[in-house]
PDB file of N, CA and C in Angstrom:
ATOM      1  N   UNK A   1     -55.344  81.449  54.922  1.00  0.00           N
ATOM      2  CA  UNK A   1     -55.754  80.283  54.932  1.00  0.00           C
ATOM      3  C   UNK A   1     -57.186  80.737  53.510  1.00  0.00           C
ATOM      4  N   UNK A   2     -56.673  80.465  52.205  1.00  0.00           N
ATOM      5  CA  UNK A   2     -57.555  80.503  51.360  1.00  0.00           C
ATOM      6  C   UNK A   2     -58.488  79.419  50.873  1.00  0.00           C
ATOM      7  N   UNK A   3     -59.684  79.881  51.308  1.00  0.00           N
ATOM      8  CA  UNK A   3     -60.208  78.033  50.841  1.00  0.00           C
ATOM      9  C   UNK A   3     -60.848  78.544  49.182  1.00  0.00           C
ATOM     10  N   UNK A   4     -60.750  77.939  48.592  1.00  0.00           N
ATOM     11  CA  UNK A   4     -60.961  77.755  46.990  1.00  0.00           C
ATOM     12  C   UNK A   4     -62.272  76.586  47.147  1.00  0.00           C
ATOM     13  N   UNK A   5     -63.013  76.690  46.162  1.00  0.00           N
ATOM     14  CA  UNK A   5     -64.640  75.792  46.491  1.00  0.00           C
ATOM     15  C   UNK A   5     -65.173  76.019  44.889  1.00  0.00           C
ATOM     16  N   UNK A   6     -65.780  74.960  44.433  1.00  0.00           N
ATOM     17  CA  UNK A   6     -66.933  74.424  43.422  1.00  0.00           C
ATOM     18  C   UNK A   6     -67.985  73.304  43.646  1.00  0.00           C
ATOM     19  N   UNK A   7     -68.837  74.066  42.577  1.00  0.00           N
ATOM     20  CA  UNK A   7     -69.479  73.090  42.631  1.00  0.00           C
ATOM     21  C   UNK A   7     -70.333  72.570  40.796  1.00  0.00           C
ATOM     22  N   UNK A   8     -70.683  71.584  40.858  1.00  0.00           N
ATOM     23  CA  UNK A   8     -71.510  71.140  39.315  1.00  0.00           C
ATOM     24  C   UNK A   8     -72.888  70.870  40.501  1.00  0.00           C
ATOM     25  N   UNK A   9     -74.184  69.874  39.421  1.00  0.00           N
ATOM     26  CA  UNK A   9     -74.905  68.781  39.366  1.00  0.00           C
ATOM     27  C   UNK A   9     -74.614  68.090  40.314  1.00  0.00           C
ATOM     28  N   UNK A  10     -73.541  67.194  40.354  1.00  0.00           N
ATOM     29  CA  UNK A  10     -73.351  66.535  41.052  1.00  0.00           C
ATOM     30  C   UNK A  10     -71.620  66.656  41.875  1.00  0.00           C
ATOM     31  N   UNK A  11     -71.732  67.363  41.764  1.00  0.00           N
ATOM     32  CA  UNK A  11     -69.857  67.399  42.540  1.00  0.00           C
ATOM     33  C   UNK A  11     -69.187  68.437  43.547  1.00  0.00           C
ATOM     34  N   UNK A  12     -69.192  68.496  44.001  1.00  0.00           N
ATOM     35  CA  UNK A  12     -68.471  69.647  45.375  1.00  0.00           C
ATOM     36  C   UNK A  12     -67.597  69.200  45.663  1.00  0.00           C
ATOM     37  N   UNK A  13     -66.355  70.083  45.404  1.00  0.00           N
ATOM     38  CA  UNK A  13     -64.936  70.100  45.622  1.00  0.00           C
ATOM     39  C   UNK A  13     -64.629  71.255  46.711  1.00  0.00           C
ATOM     40  N   UNK A  14     -63.718  71.600  47.565  1.00  0.00           N
ATOM     41  CA  UNK A  14     -63.444  72.697  48.738  1.00  0.00           C
ATOM     42  C   UNK A  14     -62.235  72.339  49.221  1.00  0.00           C
ATOM     43  N   UNK A  15     -61.087  73.314  48.830  1.00  0.00           N
ATOM     44  CA  UNK A  15     -59.624  73.100  48.781  1.00  0.00           C
ATOM     45  C   UNK A  15     -59.132  74.185  49.647  1.00  0.00           C
ATOM     46  N   UNK A  16     -58.538  73.862  50.648  1.00  0.00           N
ATOM     47  CA  UNK A  16     -57.695  75.195  51.585  1.00  0.00           C
ATOM     48  C   UNK A  16     -56.399  75.319  51.776  1.00  0.00           C
ATOM     49  N   UNK A  17     -55.521  76.377  50.912  1.00  0.00           N
ATOM     50  CA  UNK A  17     -54.203  75.771  50.978  1.00  0.00           C
ATOM     51  C   UNK A  17     -53.919  77.753  52.051  1.00  0.00           C
ATOM     52  N   UNK A  18     -52.859  77.381  52.081  1.00  0.00           N
ATOM     53  CA  UNK A  18     -51.794  78.621  52.678  1.00  0.00           C
ATOM     54  C   UNK A  18     -51.502  79.788  51.860  1.00  0.00           C
ATOM     55  N   UNK A  19     -52.459  81.184  52.240  1.00  0.00           N
ATOM     56  CA  UNK A  19     -51.662  82.250  51.546  1.00  0.00           C
ATOM     57  C   UNK A  19     -52.344  83.459  52.673  1.00  0.00           C
ATOM     58  N   UNK A  20     -51.531  84.542  51.980  1.00  0.00           N
ATOM     59  CA  UNK A  20     -51.174  85.745  52.900  1.00  0.00           C
ATOM     60  C   UNK A  20     -52.507  86.334  52.053  1.00  0.00           C
ATOM     61  N   UNK A  21     -53.337  86.514  53.263  1.00  0.00           N
ATOM     62  CA  UNK A  21     -54.692  87.517  53.087  1.00  0.00           C
ATOM     63  C   UNK A  21     -54.645  88.749  53.324  1.00  0.00           C
ATOM     64  N   UNK A  22     -54.896  89.223  53.017  1.00  0.00           N
ATOM     65  CA  UNK A  22     -55.292  91.268  53.346  1.00  0.00           C
ATOM     66  C   UNK A  22     -55.747  91.624  53.651  1.00  0.00           C
ATOM     67  N   UNK A  23     -57.281  90.972  53.182  1.00  0.00           N
ATOM     68  CA  UNK A  23     -58.575  91.547  53.152  1.00  0.00           C
ATOM     69  C   UNK A  23     -59.536  90.776  53.069  1.00  0.00           C
ATOM     70  N   UNK A  24     -60.170  89.801  53.702  1.00  0.00           N
ATOM     71  CA  UNK A  24     -60.921  88.841  54.029  1.00  0.00           C
ATOM     72  C   UNK A  24     -62.345  89.468  52.877  1.00  0.00           C
ATOM     73  N   UNK A  25     -62.623  88.037  52.065  1.00  0.00           N
ATOM     74  CA  UNK A  25     -63.784  88.368  51.140  1.00  0.00           C
ATOM     75  C   UNK A  25     -64.353  86.766  50.481  1.00  0.00           C
ATOM     76  N   UNK A  26     -65.156  87.421  49.454  1.00  0.00           N
ATOM     77  CA  UNK A  26     -65.441  85.650  48.790  1.00  0.00           C
ATOM     78  C   UNK A  26     -65.927  86.592  47.188  1.00  0.00           C
ATOM     79  N   UNK A  27     -65.551  86.076  46.250  1.00  0.00           N
ATOM     80  CA  UNK A  27     -65.743  86.114  44.603  1.00  0.00           C
ATOM     81  C   UNK A  27     -65.941  85.135  44.078  1.00  0.00           C
ATOM     82  N   UNK A  28     -66.481  85.148  43.025  1.00  0.00           N
ATOM     83  CA  UNK A  28     -67.334  83.504  41.904  1.00  0.00           C
ATOM     84  C   UNK A  28     -66.047  84.113  40.496  1.00  0.00           C
ATOM     85  N   UNK A  29     -65.443  83.255  40.631  1.00  0.00           N
ATOM     86  CA  UNK A  29     -65.121  83.211  39.309  1.00  0.00           C
ATOM     87  C   UNK A  29     -65.169  81.585  38.533  1.00  0.00           C
ATOM     88  N   UNK A  30     -65.152  82.107  36.608  1.00  0.00           N
ATOM     89  CA  UNK A  30     -65.649  81.056  36.146  1.00  0.00           C
ATOM     90  C   UNK A  30     -64.685  79.611  36.643  1.00  0.00           C
ATOM     91  N   UNK A  31     -64.420  78.390  37.319  1.00  0.00           N
ATOM     92  CA  UNK A  31     -63.236  77.538  38.079  1.00  0.00           C
ATOM     93  C   UNK A  31     -62.334  77.646  36.364  1.00  0.00           C
ATOM     94  N   UNK A  32     -63.080  76.506  35.485  1.00  0.00           N
ATOM     95  CA  UNK A  32     -62.131  76.450  33.794  1.00  0.00           C
ATOM     96  C   UNK A  32     -61.473  77.822  33.767  1.00  0.00           C
ATOM     97  N   UNK A  33     -61.746  78.971  33.654  1.00  0.00           N
ATOM     98  CA  UNK A  33     -61.366  79.592  32.809  1.00  0.00           C
ATOM     99  C   UNK A  33     -59.960  79.535  33.849  1.00  0.00           C
ATOM    100  N   UNK A  34     -60.092  80.012  35.231  1.00  0.00           N
ATOM    101  CA  UNK A  34     -58.799  80.224  35.780  1.00  0.00           C
ATOM    102  C   UNK A  34     -57.875  78.682  36.052  1.00  0.00           C
ATOM    103  N   UNK A  35     -58.216  77.758  35.733  1.00  0.00           N
ATOM    104  CA  UNK A  35     -57.876  77.133  35.926  1.00  0.00           C
ATOM    105  C   UNK A  35     -56.802  76.320  34.726  1.00  0.00           C
ATOM    106  N   UNK A  36     -57.090  77.593  33.321  1.00  0.00           N
ATOM    107  CA  UNK A  36     -56.214  77.458  32.012  1.00  0.00           C
ATOM    108  C   UNK A  36     -55.613  78.422  32.426  1.00  0.00           C
ATOM    109  N   UNK A  37     -55.818  79.574  33.145  1.00  0.00           N
ATOM    110  CA  UNK A  37     -55.071  81.121  33.341  1.00  0.00           C
ATOM    111  C   UNK A  37     -53.975  80.547  34.606  1.00  0.00           C
ATOM    112  N   UNK A  38     -54.787  80.552  35.732  1.00  0.00           N
ATOM    113  CA  UNK A  38     -53.165  79.310  36.258  1.00  0.00           C
ATOM    114  C   UNK A  38     -52.683  78.244  35.330  1.00  0.00           C
ATOM    115  N   UNK A  39     -52.886  77.386  35.063  1.00  0.00           N
ATOM    116  CA  UNK A  39     -52.250  76.509  34.141  1.00  0.00           C
ATOM    117  C   UNK A  39     -50.806  76.800  33.525  1.00  0.00           C
ATOM    118  N   UNK A  40     -51.493  78.717  32.606  1.00  0.00           N
ATOM    119  CA  UNK A  40     -49.954  78.577  32.554  1.00  0.00           C
ATOM    120  C   UNK A  40     -49.409  79.612  32.388  1.00  0.00           C
ATOM    121  N   UNK A  41     -49.674  80.102  34.067  1.00  0.00           N
ATOM    122  CA  UNK A  41     -48.859  81.343  34.655  1.00  0.00           C
ATOM    123  C   UNK A  41     -47.110  80.303  34.722  1.00  0.00           C
ATOM    124  N   UNK A  42     -45.999  81.877  34.607  1.00  0.00           N
ATOM    125  CA  UNK A  42     -44.716  80.520  35.161  1.00  0.00           C
ATOM    126  C   UNK A  42     -45.015  80.118  36.625  1.00  0.00           C
ATOM    127  N   UNK A  43     -43.774  79.353  37.008  1.00  0.00           N
ATOM    128  CA  UNK A  43     -44.012  79.064  38.326  1.00  0.00           C
ATOM    129  C   UNK A  43     -43.605  79.146  38.747  1.00  0.00           C
ATOM    130  N   UNK A  44     -44.416  80.721  39.851  1.00  0.00           N
ATOM    131  CA  UNK A  44     -44.359  81.711  40.871  1.00  0.00           C
ATOM    132  C   UNK A  44     -45.231  82.377  41.456  1.00  0.00           C
ATOM    133  N   UNK A  45     -45.055  83.613  42.484  1.00  0.00           N
ATOM    134  CA  UNK A  45     -45.748  83.222  43.414  1.00  0.00           C
ATOM    135  C   UNK A  45     -47.422  84.386  42.491  1.00  0.00           C
ATOM    136  N   UNK A  46     -48.342  84.096  42.775  1.00  0.00           N
ATOM    137  CA  UNK A  46     -49.253  84.629  41.807  1.00  0.00           C
ATOM    138  C   UNK A  46     -50.395  85.534  42.955  1.00  0.00           C
ATOM    139  N   UNK A  47     -50.592  86.707  43.092  1.00  0.00           N
ATOM    140  CA  UNK A  47     -51.586  87.863  43.509  1.00  0.00           C
ATOM    141  C   UNK A  47     -52.895  87.985  42.621  1.00  0.00           C
ATOM    142  N   UNK A  48     -53.684  87.556  43.422  1.00  0.00           N
ATOM    143  CA  UNK A  48     -55.027  87.371  43.003  1.00  0.00           C
ATOM    144  C   UNK A  48     -55.419  89.658  43.981  1.00  0.00           C
ATOM    145  N   UNK A  49     -56.055  89.964  42.960  1.00  0.00           N
ATOM    146  CA  UNK A  49     -56.634  91.354  43.909  1.00  0.00           C
ATOM    147  C   UNK A  49     -58.001  91.091  42.963  1.00  0.00           C
ATOM    148  N   UNK A  50     -58.998  91.835  43.496  1.00  0.00           N
ATOM    149  CA  UNK A  50     -60.520  91.979  43.866  1.00  0.00           C
ATOM    150  C   UNK A  50     -60.702  93.345  43.615  1.00  0.00           C
ATOM    151  N   UNK A  51     -61.245  94.025  42.758  1.00  0.00           N
ATOM    152  CA  UNK A  51     -61.159  95.250  41.868  1.00  0.00           C
ATOM    153  C   UNK A  51     -62.785  95.614  42.172  1.00  0.00           C
ATOM    154  N   UNK A  52     -63.066  97.019  41.975  1.00  0.00           N
ATOM    155  CA  UNK A  52     -64.320  97.321  41.889  1.00  0.00           C
ATOM    156  C   UNK A  52     -65.379  96.226  41.182  1.00  0.00           C
ATOM    157  N   UNK A  53     -66.378  96.427  41.036  1.00  0.00           N
ATOM    158  CA  UNK A  53     -67.354  95.801  40.056  1.00  0.00           C
ATOM    159  C   UNK A  53     -66.897  94.805  40.004  1.00  0.00           C
ATOM    160  N   UNK A  54     -66.292  93.545  40.467  1.00  0.00           N
ATOM    161  CA  UNK A  54     -66.243  92.680  41.200  1.00  0.00           C
ATOM    162  C   UNK A  54     -64.978  91.485  39.926  1.00  0.00           C
ATOM    163  N   UNK A  55     -63.935  92.895  39.149  1.00  0.00           N
ATOM    164  CA  UNK A  55     -63.275  92.284  38.468  1.00  0.00           C
ATOM    165  C   UNK A  55     -62.588  91.729  39.300  1.00  0.00           C
ATOM    166  N   UNK A  56     -61.656  90.425  38.797  1.00  0.00           N
ATOM    167  CA  UNK A  56     -60.097  89.548  39.393  1.00  0.00           C
ATOM    168  C   UNK A  56     -59.349  89.781  38.803  1.00  0.00           C
ATOM    169  N   UNK A  57     -58.010  90.457  39.823  1.00  0.00           N
ATOM    170  CA  UNK A  57     -56.805  90.919  38.782  1.00  0.00           C
ATOM    171  C   UNK A  57     -55.470  89.770  39.326  1.00  0.00           C
ATOM    172  N   UNK A  58     -55.472  89.426  38.451  1.00  0.00           N
ATOM    173  CA  UNK A  58     -53.997  88.067  38.925  1.00  0.00           C
ATOM    174  C   UNK A  58     -53.347  88.833  38.063  1.00  0.00           C
ATOM    175  N   UNK A  59     -51.778  88.690  39.182  1.00  0.00           N
ATOM    176  CA  UNK A  59     -50.852  89.109  38.597  1.00  0.00           C
ATOM    177  C   UNK A  59     -49.706  87.729  38.973  1.00  0.00           C
ATOM    178  N   UNK A  60     -48.089  87.240  37.814  1.00  0.00           N
ATOM    179  CA  UNK A  60     -47.332  86.164  38.685  1.00  0.00           C
ATOM    180  C   UNK A  60     -46.685  87.054  37.710  1.00  0.00           C
ATOM    181  N   UNK A  61     -45.154  87.313  37.765  1.00  0.00           N
ATOM    182  CA  UNK A  61     -44.412  88.228  37.348  1.00  0.00           C
ATOM    183  C   UNK A  61     -45.231  89.585  36.245  1.00  0.00           C
ATOM    184  N   UNK A  62     -44.240  89.114  35.009  1.00  0.00           N
ATOM    185  CA  UNK A  62     -44.671  89.639  34.243  1.00  0.00           C
ATOM    186  C   UNK A  62     -46.071  89.646  33.511  1.00  0.00           C
ATOM    187  N   UNK A  63     -47.137  88.684  33.913  1.00  0.00           N
ATOM    188  CA  UNK A  63     -47.949  88.603  33.599  1.00  0.00           C
ATOM    189  C   UNK A  63     -49.313  89.329  34.808  1.00  0.00           C
ATOM    190  N   UNK A  64     -49.925  89.934  33.621  1.00  0.00           N
ATOM    191  CA  UNK A  64     -51.550  90.441  34.549  1.00  0.00           C
ATOM    192  C   UNK A  64     -52.575  89.956  33.564  1.00  0.00           C
ATOM    193  N   UNK A  65     -54.018  89.009  34.229  1.00  0.00           N
ATOM    194  CA  UNK A  65     -54.949  89.418  33.634  1.00  0.00           C
ATOM    195  C   UNK A  65     -56.233  89.780  34.090  1.00  0.00           C
ATOM    196  N   UNK A  66     -57.188  90.023  33.695  1.00  0.00           N
ATOM    197  CA  UNK A  66     -59.038  90.768  34.893  1.00  0.00           C
ATOM    198  C   UNK A  66     -59.314  89.752  34.150  1.00  0.00           C
ATOM    199  N   UNK A  67     -60.532  89.492  35.054  1.00  0.00           N
ATOM    200  CA  UNK A  67     -61.283  88.228  34.599  1.00  0.00           C
ATOM    201  C   UNK A  67     -62.353  88.853  35.565  1.00  0.00           C
ATOM    202  N   UNK A  68     -63.383  88.875  34.790  1.00  0.00           N
ATOM    203  CA  UNK A  68     -64.698  89.428  35.518  1.00  0.00           C
ATOM    204  C   UNK A  68     -65.104  88.141  36.357  1.00  0.00           C
ATOM    205  N   UNK A  69     -65.553  88.079  37.462  1.00  0.00           N
ATOM    206  CA  UNK A  69     -66.274  88.044  38.812  1.00  0.00           C
ATOM    207  C   UNK A  69     -67.823  88.271  38.602  1.00  0.00           C
ATOM    208  N   UNK A  70     -67.803  87.286  40.357  1.00  0.00           N
ATOM    209  CA  UNK A  70     -69.504  87.666  40.494  1.00  0.00           C
ATOM    210  C   UNK A  70     -69.796  87.611  41.651  1.00  0.00           C
ATOM    211  N   UNK A  71     -70.841  88.686  42.640  1.00  0.00           N
ATOM    212  CA  UNK A  71     -70.813  88.046  43.756  1.00  0.00           C
ATOM    213  C   UNK A  71     -70.685  87.172  44.801  1.00  0.00           C
ATOM    214  N   UNK A  72     -70.325  86.741  45.736  1.00  0.00           N
ATOM    215  CA  UNK A  72     -70.493  85.109  46.289  1.00  0.00           C
ATOM    216  C   UNK A  72     -71.986  85.665  46.536  1.00  0.00           C
ATOM    217  N   UNK A  73     -71.984  86.581  46.983  1.00  0.00           N
ATOM    218  CA  UNK A  73     -73.368  86.484  47.660  1.00  0.00           C
ATOM    219  C   UNK A  73     -75.092  86.289  46.681  1.00  0.00           C
ATOM    220  N   UNK A  74     -74.297  85.575  45.326  1.00  0.00           N
ATOM    221  CA  UNK A  74     -75.273  85.480  44.606  1.00  0.00           C
ATOM    222  C   UNK A  74     -75.272  84.185  44.429  1.00  0.00           C
ATOM    223  N   UNK A  75     -74.806  83.152  44.665  1.00  0.00           N
ATOM    224  CA  UNK A  75     -74.217  82.068  44.270  1.00  0.00           C
ATOM    225  C   UNK A  75     -74.405  81.070  46.010  1.00  0.00           C
ATOM    226  N   UNK A  76     -75.182  79.875  45.965  1.00  0.00           N
ATOM    227  CA  UNK A  76     -75.773  79.442  47.160  1.00  0.00           C
ATOM    228  C   UNK A  76     -74.003  78.645  48.254  1.00  0.00           C
ATOM    229  N   UNK A  77     -74.199  78.574  49.194  1.00  0.00           N
ATOM    230  CA  UNK A  77     -72.938  77.899  50.324  1.00  0.00           C
ATOM    231  C   UNK A  77     -72.723  76.512  49.719  1.00  0.00           C
ATOM    232  N   UNK A  78     -71.555  76.067  50.034  1.00  0.00           N
ATOM    233  CA  UNK A  78     -71.436  74.377  49.206  1.00  0.00           C
ATOM    234  C   UNK A  78     -72.405  73.629  50.500  1.00  0.00           C
ATOM    235  N   UNK A  79     -72.986  72.566  50.917  1.00  0.00           N
ATOM    236  CA  UNK A  79     -73.046  71.565  51.565  1.00  0.00           C
ATOM    237  C   UNK A  79     -72.991  71.412  52.433  1.00  0.00           C
ATOM    238  N   UNK A  80     -72.282  71.518  53.522  1.00  0.00           N
ATOM    239  CA  UNK A  80     -71.679  70.789  54.800  1.00  0.00           C
ATOM    240  C   UNK A  80     -71.449  69.352  54.770  1.00  0.00           C
ATOM    241  N   UNK A  81     -70.612  68.541  54.804  1.00  0.00           N
ATOM    242  CA  UNK A  81     -70.164  67.474  54.958  1.00  0.00           C
ATOM    243  C   UNK A  81     -69.226  67.186  56.096  1.00  0.00           C
ATOM    244  N   UNK A  82     -69.767  65.793  56.431  1.00  0.00           N
ATOM    245  CA  UNK A  82     -69.022  65.543  57.500  1.00  0.00           C
ATOM    246  C   UNK A  82     -67.555  64.553  57.318  1.00  0.00           C
ATOM    247  N   UNK A  83     -66.499  64.849  57.990  1.00  0.00           N
ATOM    248  CA  UNK A  83     -65.212  64.405  57.235  1.00  0.00           C
ATOM    249  C   UNK A  83     -65.117  62.858  58.370  1.00  0.00           C
TER     250      UNK A  83
END
């Protein structure tokens, strides 16, 4: 299960989705930039790979994009909210 989470000063959101996970881990990427990239990709399977020094490689068919990510340890966890 893939967990996507985001937060600003006023709003936090968390979404879980089915995914094939080869190795568990956490990474932080700029949400707006990630959304723009994914929106422009073809309607096909997307592969996310965390590379050395927190780079994230996004692959979809013939498209390859690399983003500079950040260690998830440097960011606070989202607050727990009762359902």
